[in-house]
Protein backbone atom coordinates (compact mmCIF):
# COMPACT_ATOMS: atom_id res chain seq x y z
CA MET A 1 -75.84 70.18 33.75
CA GLU A 2 -78.93 69.31 31.09
CA ARG A 3 -80.26 66.19 32.26
CA LEU A 4 -82.22 63.91 28.74
CA SER A 5 -83.81 61.02 29.34
CA ASP A 6 -83.58 58.33 27.11
CA PRO A 7 -84.14 54.95 29.32
CA ALA A 8 -84.08 53.16 26.07
CA ASP A 9 -80.80 54.37 24.12
CA PRO A 10 -78.92 51.31 24.57
CA ASP A 11 -76.06 53.92 24.91
CA LEU A 12 -77.76 54.30 28.36
CA ASP A 13 -77.33 50.62 29.58
CA PRO A 14 -76.58 50.69 32.76
CA GLU A 15 -73.97 48.03 32.54
CA ASN A 16 -72.28 50.40 29.73
CA ALA A 17 -69.93 52.85 31.61
CA ALA A 18 -72.32 55.35 33.31
CA ASN A 19 -71.22 57.57 35.92
CA ASP A 20 -67.75 57.84 34.50
CA TYR A 21 -66.29 61.02 35.76
CA ASP A 22 -62.97 59.74 34.78
CA GLY A 23 -64.18 60.77 31.20
CA PHE A 24 -66.09 63.84 31.81
CA GLY A 25 -64.36 64.97 35.08
CA GLU A 26 -62.71 68.41 33.92
CA ALA A 27 -66.08 69.41 32.21
CA TYR A 28 -67.83 68.96 34.65
CA ALA A 29 -65.95 70.54 37.76
CA ALA A 30 -65.85 73.36 35.44
CA GLU A 31 -69.65 73.42 35.65
CA ASN A 32 -70.14 72.70 39.17
CA GLU A 33 -67.88 75.88 39.58
CA THR A 34 -70.96 78.52 38.73
CA SER A 35 -74.44 76.34 38.26
CA LEU A 36 -77.42 76.98 39.50
CA VAL A 37 -78.23 73.78 41.21
CA ASN A 38 -74.28 73.27 42.43
CA ALA A 39 -73.02 76.69 43.50
CA HIS A 40 -76.24 78.33 44.44
CA TYR A 41 -78.27 75.81 45.55
CA GLU A 42 -76.68 72.88 46.85
CA ARG A 43 -73.42 73.62 48.45
CA PRO A 44 -75.40 77.05 49.95
CA ALA A 45 -77.60 74.65 51.72
CA MET A 46 -75.05 72.24 52.46
CA LEU A 47 -72.92 74.61 54.20
CA ALA A 48 -76.18 76.37 55.66
CA LEU A 49 -77.09 73.06 57.38
CA ALA A 50 -73.27 72.32 58.27
CA GLY A 51 -73.37 75.18 60.53
CA ASP A 52 -70.37 76.45 62.80
CA VAL A 53 -67.33 73.58 61.45
CA SER A 54 -64.21 75.84 63.18
CA GLY A 55 -61.92 72.99 64.33
CA ARG A 56 -64.71 70.08 63.16
CA ARG A 57 -62.72 66.75 61.58
CA ILE A 58 -64.70 66.46 58.71
CA LEU A 59 -64.76 63.71 55.92
CA ASP A 60 -66.08 64.88 52.58
CA ALA A 61 -67.16 61.42 51.46
CA GLY A 62 -67.42 61.75 47.30
CA CYS A 63 -65.64 65.29 47.41
CA GLY A 64 -65.30 65.31 43.55
CA ALA A 65 -63.24 68.43 42.60
CA GLY A 66 -63.20 69.62 46.39
CA PRO A 67 -65.42 73.08 45.86
CA LEU A 68 -67.37 71.68 49.49
CA ALA A 69 -64.42 70.71 50.92
CA ALA A 70 -62.03 73.95 50.04
CA ALA A 71 -65.09 75.75 51.95
CA LEU A 72 -65.44 73.82 54.44
CA ARG A 73 -61.62 74.56 55.06
CA ASP A 74 -61.53 77.87 54.75
CA ARG A 75 -64.52 78.19 57.80
CA GLY A 76 -61.78 76.48 59.82
CA ALA A 77 -62.32 73.04 59.66
CA VAL A 78 -60.11 70.13 59.31
CA VAL A 79 -61.12 68.46 56.33
CA THR A 80 -60.38 64.85 54.73
CA GLY A 81 -61.99 64.17 50.89
CA LEU A 82 -62.40 60.63 49.19
CA ASP A 83 -63.76 60.48 46.17
CA VAL A 84 -63.87 56.88 43.49
CA SER A 85 -62.54 58.95 40.52
CA ALA A 86 -58.99 59.52 39.79
CA ALA A 87 -59.42 62.16 37.98
CA MET A 88 -61.62 64.16 39.87
CA LEU A 89 -59.05 63.41 42.89
CA ALA A 90 -56.32 64.98 40.43
CA LEU A 91 -58.20 68.40 40.76
CA ALA A 92 -59.35 68.33 44.13
CA GLY A 93 -55.67 68.22 44.73
CA ARG A 94 -54.94 70.96 42.67
CA ARG A 95 -57.43 73.10 44.04
CA LEU A 96 -56.64 71.93 47.73
CA GLY A 97 -52.95 71.22 48.14
CA ASP A 98 -51.51 68.98 50.66
CA GLY A 99 -53.43 70.87 52.89
CA VAL A 100 -56.38 68.10 52.67
CA ALA A 101 -55.73 64.86 52.85
CA LEU A 102 -57.54 62.69 49.88
CA HIS A 103 -58.16 58.93 48.89
CA ARG A 104 -59.47 57.18 46.38
CA VAL A 105 -62.32 55.12 48.00
CA ASP A 106 -65.80 53.23 46.76
CA LEU A 107 -68.14 54.79 49.29
CA ARG A 108 -69.34 50.64 49.13
CA ASP A 109 -65.80 49.42 50.34
CA ARG A 110 -64.33 49.29 53.97
CA LEU A 111 -63.31 52.80 54.86
CA PRO A 112 -59.57 53.14 55.50
CA PHE A 113 -60.33 55.28 58.65
CA ALA A 114 -60.28 54.22 62.63
CA ASP A 115 -63.56 54.19 64.50
CA GLY A 116 -64.70 58.17 65.88
CA GLU A 117 -62.59 59.65 63.99
CA PHE A 118 -64.80 62.03 62.21
CA ASP A 119 -66.34 64.75 63.87
CA ASP A 120 -69.22 64.92 60.67
CA VAL A 121 -69.46 63.00 57.72
CA ILE A 122 -70.61 64.89 54.43
CA ALA A 123 -72.16 63.03 51.64
CA SER A 124 -73.07 65.40 49.62
CA LEU A 125 -75.21 64.00 46.00
CA VAL A 126 -73.30 60.75 46.27
CA LEU A 127 -75.58 58.34 47.85
CA HIS A 128 -77.85 58.04 44.89
CA TYR A 129 -75.23 56.70 42.89
CA LEU A 130 -75.83 53.75 45.36
CA GLU A 131 -78.57 50.43 45.14
CA ASP A 132 -78.31 49.37 48.89
CA TRP A 133 -77.34 52.22 51.23
CA GLY A 134 -77.08 49.72 54.37
CA PRO A 135 -73.05 49.27 54.34
CA THR A 136 -71.80 52.25 53.21
CA LEU A 137 -73.81 53.70 56.12
CA ALA A 138 -72.90 51.21 58.96
CA GLU A 139 -68.92 52.45 57.53
CA LEU A 140 -70.02 56.31 57.35
CA ARG A 141 -71.53 55.08 61.29
CA ARG A 142 -68.15 53.34 62.50
CA VAL A 143 -66.09 56.58 61.33
CA LEU A 144 -68.28 58.79 63.48
CA ARG A 145 -67.62 59.67 66.68
CA PRO A 146 -70.91 59.07 68.43
CA GLY A 147 -73.16 62.12 68.55
CA GLY A 148 -71.52 63.26 65.29
CA ARG A 149 -73.12 64.42 62.22
CA LEU A 150 -74.24 62.99 58.58
CA LEU A 151 -74.97 65.14 56.27
CA VAL A 152 -76.35 64.06 53.25
CA SER A 153 -78.35 65.93 50.06
CA VAL A 154 -79.50 63.02 47.55
CA ASP A 155 -81.78 63.82 44.11
CA HIS A 156 -85.33 63.94 45.78
CA PRO A 157 -87.44 61.19 45.55
CA PHE A 158 -89.89 63.00 43.26
CA VAL A 159 -87.45 63.60 40.63
CA ALA A 160 -87.23 60.47 39.28
CA TYR A 161 -90.80 59.78 39.98
CA THR A 162 -92.02 62.74 37.33
CA PHE A 163 -88.74 62.40 35.63
CA GLN A 164 -89.81 58.60 33.70
CA GLU A 165 -92.64 57.81 31.65
CA SER A 166 -94.20 55.36 32.56
CA ARG A 167 -93.44 56.31 36.64
CA PRO A 168 -92.14 53.73 38.31
CA ASP A 169 -93.60 52.26 41.48
CA TYR A 170 -93.13 55.11 44.18
CA PHE A 171 -92.70 52.96 46.97
CA ALA A 172 -90.10 50.35 44.98
CA THR A 173 -86.29 50.97 45.03
CA THR A 174 -85.70 51.65 41.22
CA ASP A 175 -82.49 52.88 38.73
CA TYR A 176 -82.89 55.31 35.96
CA ALA A 177 -81.18 56.38 33.45
CA PHE A 178 -80.01 59.96 31.79
CA GLU A 179 -77.55 61.53 30.08
CA TRP A 180 -76.08 64.35 31.04
CA VAL A 181 -75.01 67.41 28.67
CA ILE A 182 -71.74 68.51 29.79
CA GLY A 183 -69.99 70.83 27.99
CA GLY A 184 -71.39 69.70 24.04
CA ARG A 185 -70.69 66.34 25.32
CA SER A 186 -72.99 63.47 26.30
CA ALA A 187 -72.24 61.63 29.56
CA PRO A 188 -74.31 58.12 30.48
CA MET A 189 -75.38 58.34 34.27
CA ARG A 190 -77.40 55.99 36.43
CA PHE A 191 -78.63 56.48 39.31
CA TRP A 192 -81.35 54.76 42.00
CA ARG A 193 -84.38 56.27 43.70
CA LYS A 194 -85.52 55.48 46.78
CA PRO A 195 -89.21 56.54 48.78
CA LEU A 196 -88.73 58.84 51.63
CA HIS A 197 -89.60 56.14 54.23
CA ALA A 198 -86.55 53.60 52.87
CA MET A 199 -84.25 56.68 52.94
CA THR A 200 -84.92 57.07 57.31
CA ASP A 201 -85.30 53.84 57.73
CA ALA A 202 -81.84 52.98 56.58
CA PHE A 203 -80.26 55.70 58.71
CA THR A 204 -82.23 54.44 61.40
CA ALA A 205 -81.03 50.94 60.64
CA ALA A 206 -77.30 51.94 60.43
CA GLY A 207 -77.64 53.65 63.99
CA PHE A 208 -78.66 57.85 63.31
CA ARG A 209 -81.02 59.64 64.87
CA LEU A 210 -82.89 62.16 62.12
CA SER A 211 -82.25 65.38 63.25
CA ALA A 212 -83.75 67.34 60.08
CA ILE A 213 -84.94 67.18 57.05
CA ALA A 214 -84.58 70.23 54.64
CA GLU A 215 -86.13 71.24 50.89
CA PRO A 216 -84.28 74.48 50.52
CA GLN A 217 -84.72 77.18 48.28
CA PRO A 218 -81.76 78.62 45.97
CA ALA A 219 -79.75 81.55 47.06
CA PRO A 220 -81.32 85.00 46.70
CA ALA A 221 -78.69 85.74 44.34
CA ALA A 222 -78.79 83.56 42.07
CA ARG A 223 -82.07 85.21 41.15
CA GLU A 224 -80.53 87.99 38.64
CA LEU A 225 -78.21 85.22 37.39
CA PHE A 226 -80.72 82.83 36.22
CA PRO A 227 -84.24 84.19 36.36
CA GLU A 228 -86.16 81.35 34.38
CA ALA A 229 -84.32 78.26 36.24
CA PHE A 230 -84.38 80.22 39.26
CA ARG A 231 -88.07 80.28 39.33
CA ASP A 232 -88.67 76.58 38.30
CA LEU A 233 -86.15 75.67 41.19
CA SER A 234 -88.09 77.28 43.45
CA ARG A 235 -91.49 75.88 43.08
CA SER A 236 -90.13 72.45 42.60
CA PRO A 237 -87.86 70.29 44.32
CA THR A 238 -84.59 68.84 42.89
CA PHE A 239 -82.66 67.79 46.08
CA LEU A 240 -83.46 66.61 49.47
CA PHE A 241 -81.27 67.21 52.09
CA PHE A 242 -81.19 65.23 56.07
CA VAL A 243 -79.12 66.39 59.13
CA VAL A 244 -78.27 62.74 60.74
CA GLU A 245 -76.75 62.17 64.74
CA ALA A 246 -74.52 58.72 65.59
CA GLY A 247 -75.95 57.11 68.26
CA HIS A 248 -73.97 55.59 71.23
CA THR A 249 -72.90 52.22 70.60
CA GLY A 250 -75.79 49.84 70.79
CA ARG A 251 -78.30 52.89 71.12
CA LEU A 252 -80.55 55.22 67.93
């Protein structure tokens, strides 16, 4: 997706239907299938961090149209998906069939799962939609077994910091509005940027132990497909990845 900054545009008012995946879900899903940042960067990096998932019970929190859920399922995981967008879940259902349970859930709400139900939770490019990670991380911790993993990818905090003019206070949690141009149409978006220490503090406060922070490179095969964009992506961070582990009750 092309990302255009125009925070002064009234159409980018945060209260004016930003992040409406029900409105542009099909176009987004189609581009997500083959784009450099999704198909050749974020998903391969997330799957590499996940490692051997055979037999593991995995919640794909913010599954969208299901490409990551499908890849995890094909690697032997028992996958459950959730998303807030009905349109995206309909696309995921068509892709995944009856073998993957799908739930329409807002990650700011209580999750419809038992305590300790999952071995892993994957939150792929979803937490930056939330101003306050606390309640969401507490719920994700609850549905993980002790020792289970939460794998997270978010917009790198430098992305929004260097993207906006004038630049925001790096140490503050700030929202930023922009447009995605998808399938020839404009979609207003709104994300939240946090400094790195605020992210790690949020994980710790929710009962997680930090296992890994990653700033991966795009898959080498993408060099031939997207030569100029590959070069740019290889030289500047776009996403930041975390692996954190759920501590035992009462311990970090």
